[in-house]
N, C-alpha and C. Protein backbone atom coordinates (compact mmCIF):
# COMPACT_ATOMS: atom_id res chain seq x y z
N MET A 1 -51.06 -177.98 -144.46
CA MET A 1 -49.87 -177.00 -143.93
C MET A 1 -49.50 -177.30 -142.57
N ASN A 2 -48.23 -177.09 -142.47
CA ASN A 2 -47.67 -177.41 -141.30
C ASN A 2 -47.29 -176.14 -140.40
N SER A 3 -47.16 -176.50 -139.17
CA SER A 3 -46.73 -175.54 -138.12
C SER A 3 -45.72 -174.38 -138.57
N LYS A 4 -44.84 -174.77 -139.19
CA LYS A 4 -43.66 -173.80 -139.75
C LYS A 4 -44.39 -172.83 -140.88
N ASP A 5 -45.15 -173.32 -141.54
CA ASP A 5 -45.64 -172.69 -142.78
C ASP A 5 -46.67 -171.46 -142.23
N ILE A 6 -47.55 -172.05 -141.08
CA ILE A 6 -48.47 -171.20 -140.66
C ILE A 6 -47.65 -169.96 -139.78
N LYS A 7 -46.52 -170.39 -139.11
CA LYS A 7 -45.71 -169.33 -138.28
C LYS A 7 -45.28 -168.24 -139.37
N LEU A 8 -44.73 -168.86 -140.56
CA LEU A 8 -44.26 -167.90 -141.55
C LEU A 8 -45.38 -166.99 -142.16
N LYS A 9 -46.53 -167.54 -142.32
CA LYS A 9 -47.52 -166.60 -142.67
C LYS A 9 -47.96 -165.60 -141.65
N ILE A 10 -47.79 -166.04 -140.35
CA ILE A 10 -48.17 -164.99 -139.32
C ILE A 10 -47.11 -164.02 -139.27
N ILE A 11 -45.86 -164.28 -139.29
CA ILE A 11 -44.84 -163.28 -139.53
C ILE A 11 -45.00 -162.52 -140.65
N GLN A 12 -45.27 -162.97 -141.81
CA GLN A 12 -45.59 -162.00 -142.83
C GLN A 12 -46.66 -161.06 -142.50
N ALA A 13 -47.72 -161.60 -141.85
CA ALA A 13 -48.87 -160.57 -141.63
C ALA A 13 -48.46 -159.66 -140.49
N GLY A 14 -47.70 -159.99 -139.46
CA GLY A 14 -47.04 -158.92 -138.67
C GLY A 14 -46.33 -158.14 -139.32
N GLU A 15 -45.34 -158.47 -140.21
CA GLU A 15 -44.38 -157.31 -140.99
C GLU A 15 -45.36 -156.25 -141.63
N LYS A 16 -46.43 -156.81 -142.14
CA LYS A 16 -47.40 -156.00 -142.91
C LYS A 16 -48.15 -154.95 -141.86
N ALA A 17 -48.33 -155.60 -140.78
CA ALA A 17 -49.00 -154.76 -139.80
C ALA A 17 -48.12 -153.60 -139.29
N VAL A 18 -46.95 -154.10 -139.20
CA VAL A 18 -45.87 -153.00 -138.59
C VAL A 18 -45.83 -151.84 -139.68
N LYS A 19 -45.86 -152.32 -140.90
CA LYS A 19 -45.70 -151.18 -142.03
C LYS A 19 -46.92 -150.21 -141.98
N GLU A 20 -48.05 -150.80 -141.47
CA GLU A 20 -49.32 -149.90 -141.55
C GLU A 20 -49.15 -149.21 -140.29
N LEU A 21 -48.68 -149.58 -139.15
CA LEU A 21 -48.55 -148.80 -137.99
C LEU A 21 -47.49 -147.73 -138.02
N ILE A 22 -46.59 -148.01 -138.85
CA ILE A 22 -45.41 -146.90 -139.21
C ILE A 22 -46.32 -145.83 -140.04
N LYS A 23 -47.22 -146.25 -140.93
CA LYS A 23 -47.95 -145.03 -141.81
C LYS A 23 -48.73 -144.27 -140.76
N VAL A 24 -49.39 -144.97 -139.66
CA VAL A 24 -50.13 -144.15 -138.72
C VAL A 24 -49.24 -143.25 -137.88
N ALA A 25 -48.08 -143.68 -137.57
CA ALA A 25 -47.04 -142.97 -136.77
C ALA A 25 -46.58 -141.71 -137.46
N GLN A 26 -46.47 -141.74 -138.95
CA GLN A 26 -45.83 -140.90 -139.79
C GLN A 26 -46.91 -139.74 -139.89
N GLU A 27 -48.09 -139.93 -139.87
CA GLU A 27 -49.15 -138.99 -140.46
C GLU A 27 -48.99 -137.75 -139.37
N ASP A 28 -49.18 -136.60 -140.15
CA ASP A 28 -49.18 -135.51 -139.61
C ASP A 28 -50.34 -135.13 -138.44
N ILE A 29 -50.21 -134.46 -137.60
CA ILE A 29 -51.24 -134.02 -136.56
C ILE A 29 -51.76 -132.72 -137.05
N ILE A 30 -53.18 -132.78 -137.64
CA ILE A 30 -53.59 -131.57 -138.34
C ILE A 30 -53.90 -130.61 -137.21
N LYS A 31 -53.32 -129.49 -137.14
CA LYS A 31 -53.94 -128.46 -136.23
C LYS A 31 -55.33 -128.11 -136.44
N PRO A 32 -56.27 -128.28 -135.48
CA PRO A 32 -57.62 -127.86 -135.67
C PRO A 32 -58.04 -126.51 -135.71
N ASP A 33 -59.00 -126.31 -135.81
CA ASP A 33 -59.65 -124.82 -135.81
C ASP A 33 -59.50 -124.22 -134.43
N PRO A 34 -58.79 -122.95 -134.08
CA PRO A 34 -58.74 -122.41 -132.76
C PRO A 34 -59.97 -122.19 -131.99
N ASP A 35 -61.12 -122.09 -132.81
CA ASP A 35 -62.30 -121.86 -132.36
C ASP A 35 -62.94 -123.07 -131.66
N ASP A 36 -62.28 -124.33 -132.02
CA ASP A 36 -63.00 -125.47 -131.55
C ASP A 36 -62.68 -125.77 -130.21
N GLU A 37 -63.65 -125.95 -129.41
CA GLU A 37 -63.44 -126.25 -127.83
C GLU A 37 -62.88 -127.66 -127.78
N LEU A 38 -62.89 -128.61 -128.59
CA LEU A 38 -62.40 -129.85 -128.38
C LEU A 38 -61.01 -129.99 -129.10
N ALA A 39 -60.31 -128.88 -129.44
CA ALA A 39 -59.16 -129.08 -130.16
C ALA A 39 -58.15 -129.74 -129.15
N ALA A 40 -57.83 -129.31 -127.94
CA ALA A 40 -56.82 -129.84 -127.19
C ALA A 40 -57.14 -131.33 -127.10
N ASP A 41 -58.48 -131.80 -126.73
CA ASP A 41 -58.59 -133.30 -126.68
C ASP A 41 -58.11 -134.12 -128.03
N ARG A 42 -58.62 -133.56 -129.00
CA ARG A 42 -58.26 -134.09 -130.31
C ARG A 42 -56.72 -134.30 -130.55
N LEU A 43 -56.20 -133.14 -130.22
CA LEU A 43 -54.60 -133.35 -130.18
C LEU A 43 -53.79 -134.30 -129.31
N LYS A 44 -54.46 -134.35 -128.01
CA LYS A 44 -54.16 -135.43 -127.02
C LYS A 44 -54.29 -136.69 -127.66
N ASN A 45 -55.51 -137.13 -127.98
CA ASN A 45 -55.94 -138.42 -128.75
C ASN A 45 -55.04 -138.87 -129.82
N ALA A 46 -54.74 -137.77 -130.73
CA ALA A 46 -53.88 -138.07 -131.72
C ALA A 46 -52.41 -138.48 -131.55
N ALA A 47 -52.16 -137.69 -130.38
CA ALA A 47 -50.74 -138.04 -129.86
C ALA A 47 -50.76 -139.47 -129.14
N ALA A 48 -51.63 -139.71 -128.48
CA ALA A 48 -51.86 -141.07 -127.92
C ALA A 48 -51.83 -142.20 -128.95
N THR A 49 -52.59 -141.91 -130.07
CA THR A 49 -52.81 -142.90 -131.03
C THR A 49 -51.31 -143.27 -131.56
N LYS A 50 -50.53 -142.22 -131.84
CA LYS A 50 -49.49 -142.27 -132.40
C LYS A 50 -48.37 -143.31 -131.62
N LYS A 51 -48.37 -142.80 -130.07
CA LYS A 51 -47.72 -143.55 -129.39
C LYS A 51 -48.01 -144.77 -129.32
N LEU A 52 -49.09 -145.21 -129.10
CA LEU A 52 -49.56 -146.50 -129.26
C LEU A 52 -49.18 -147.38 -130.42
N ALA A 53 -49.22 -146.68 -131.61
CA ALA A 53 -48.98 -147.18 -132.85
C ALA A 53 -47.61 -147.60 -132.75
N ILE A 54 -46.68 -146.68 -132.36
CA ILE A 54 -45.12 -146.90 -132.18
C ILE A 54 -44.80 -148.18 -131.28
N PHE A 55 -45.49 -148.07 -130.20
CA PHE A 55 -45.11 -149.17 -129.16
C PHE A 55 -45.64 -150.60 -129.69
N ASP A 56 -46.72 -150.55 -130.23
CA ASP A 56 -47.25 -151.82 -130.87
C ASP A 56 -46.44 -152.25 -131.97
N ALA A 57 -45.93 -151.46 -132.85
CA ALA A 57 -44.98 -151.84 -133.93
C ALA A 57 -43.73 -152.59 -133.36
N PHE A 58 -43.07 -151.93 -132.23
CA PHE A 58 -42.03 -152.58 -131.53
C PHE A 58 -42.19 -153.84 -130.96
N GLU A 59 -43.30 -153.90 -130.29
CA GLU A 59 -43.81 -155.15 -129.60
C GLU A 59 -43.92 -156.23 -130.83
N ILE A 60 -44.47 -156.04 -131.91
CA ILE A 60 -44.58 -156.80 -132.98
C ILE A 60 -43.38 -157.29 -133.53
N LEU A 61 -42.45 -156.32 -133.66
CA LEU A 61 -41.12 -156.61 -134.31
C LEU A 61 -40.46 -157.43 -133.39
N THR A 62 -40.40 -157.20 -132.04
CA THR A 62 -39.76 -158.18 -131.12
C THR A 62 -40.20 -159.73 -131.31
N ARG A 63 -41.48 -159.76 -131.29
CA ARG A 63 -42.09 -161.18 -131.23
C ARG A 63 -41.75 -161.81 -132.61
N ILE A 64 -41.66 -160.98 -133.74
CA ILE A 64 -41.28 -161.58 -134.99
C ILE A 64 -39.94 -162.04 -135.01
N GLU A 65 -38.96 -161.23 -134.36
CA GLU A 65 -37.60 -161.75 -134.22
C GLU A 65 -37.47 -163.02 -133.46
N GLN A 66 -38.04 -163.22 -132.29
CA GLN A 66 -38.28 -164.18 -131.48
C GLN A 66 -38.56 -165.41 -132.25
N GLU A 67 -39.82 -165.50 -132.96
CA GLU A 67 -40.19 -166.48 -133.71
C GLU A 67 -39.52 -166.88 -134.85
N LYS A 68 -38.56 -165.98 -135.48
CA LYS A 68 -37.72 -166.28 -136.53
C LYS A 68 -36.48 -166.96 -136.04
N GLU A 69 -36.19 -166.66 -134.68
CA GLU A 69 -35.06 -167.56 -134.12
C GLU A 69 -35.39 -168.75 -133.82
N ASN A 70 -36.69 -168.91 -133.28
CA ASN A 70 -37.25 -170.23 -132.78
C ASN A 70 -37.24 -171.19 -134.03
N ILE A 71 -37.73 -170.59 -135.23
CA ILE A 71 -37.81 -171.39 -136.40
C ILE A 71 -36.54 -171.82 -136.95
N GLU A 72 -35.36 -171.08 -136.94
CA GLU A 72 -34.14 -171.27 -137.32
C GLU A 72 -33.48 -172.38 -136.28
N MET A 73 -33.69 -172.25 -135.03
CA MET A 73 -33.14 -173.03 -134.09
C MET A 73 -33.78 -174.63 -134.19
N SER A 74 -35.08 -174.60 -134.56
CA SER A 74 -35.59 -175.80 -134.73
C SER A 74 -35.12 -176.56 -136.07
N GLU A 75 -34.78 -175.79 -136.99
CA GLU A 75 -34.45 -176.12 -138.42
C GLU A 75 -32.92 -176.91 -138.36
N ARG A 76 -32.12 -176.16 -137.42
CA ARG A 76 -30.58 -176.63 -137.35
C ARG A 76 -30.47 -177.49 -136.19
N GLY A 77 -31.25 -177.52 -135.20
CA GLY A 77 -31.10 -178.29 -134.11
C GLY A 77 -30.53 -177.62 -133.06
N PRO A 78 -30.47 -178.31 -131.89
CA PRO A 78 -29.94 -177.44 -130.76
C PRO A 78 -28.42 -177.53 -130.92
N SER A 79 -27.64 -176.67 -130.43
CA SER A 79 -26.25 -176.57 -130.65
C SER A 79 -25.81 -177.07 -129.13
N ARG A 80 -24.66 -176.87 -128.93
CA ARG A 80 -23.94 -177.17 -127.70
C ARG A 80 -24.16 -175.83 -126.83
N THR A 81 -24.21 -174.77 -127.34
CA THR A 81 -24.34 -173.54 -126.52
C THR A 81 -25.82 -173.29 -126.11
N ASP A 82 -26.76 -173.75 -126.78
CA ASP A 82 -28.11 -173.66 -126.50
C ASP A 82 -28.69 -174.36 -125.22
N THR A 83 -27.71 -174.90 -124.62
CA THR A 83 -28.16 -175.65 -123.26
C THR A 83 -28.23 -174.46 -122.04
N ASN A 84 -28.79 -174.93 -120.92
CA ASN A 84 -28.69 -174.00 -119.83
C ASN A 84 -27.61 -174.33 -118.90
N VAL A 85 -26.56 -174.99 -119.25
CA VAL A 85 -25.22 -175.12 -118.61
C VAL A 85 -24.37 -174.04 -119.13
N GLY A 86 -23.62 -173.75 -118.15
CA GLY A 86 -22.56 -172.59 -118.33
C GLY A 86 -21.48 -173.28 -119.07
N PHE A 87 -20.51 -172.47 -119.51
CA PHE A 87 -19.22 -172.81 -120.20
C PHE A 87 -18.49 -173.75 -119.18
N ALA A 88 -18.06 -173.16 -118.14
CA ALA A 88 -17.38 -173.83 -117.25
C ALA A 88 -17.78 -175.58 -116.77
N GLU A 89 -19.21 -175.52 -116.67
CA GLU A 89 -19.78 -176.82 -116.38
C GLU A 89 -19.83 -177.73 -117.56
N ARG A 90 -19.84 -177.20 -118.89
CA ARG A 90 -19.77 -177.97 -119.97
C ARG A 90 -18.42 -178.60 -120.13
N ARG A 91 -17.19 -177.63 -119.87
CA ARG A 91 -15.78 -178.05 -120.03
C ARG A 91 -15.26 -179.03 -118.95
N SER A 92 -15.93 -179.01 -117.84
CA SER A 92 -15.42 -179.73 -116.69
C SER A 92 -15.45 -181.23 -116.88
N ARG A 93 -14.62 -181.99 -116.19
CA ARG A 93 -14.55 -183.41 -116.38
C ARG A 93 -15.50 -183.86 -115.41
N LYS A 94 -16.35 -184.98 -115.74
CA LYS A 94 -17.03 -185.50 -114.69
C LYS A 94 -16.55 -186.83 -114.40
């Protein structure tokens, strides 16, 4: 198995993880029993968990997009615009 195949499998696993994180974020926060003294702490923890799930999902998606671009760029090879040189420098005569 080559590096590209491994990266593609990791991307698939990341996409699956994002779907699971979306499920966590979509779950309802069940309102606890008003007599429960720990109710506020539980609500706070549930909200923090949802926030973390959302931020993690976005972080994973960003990394997936970067890796897909890296794979595509390595397949097609570098283009003239992929260099660190600006437009004017490329067009100037030497």
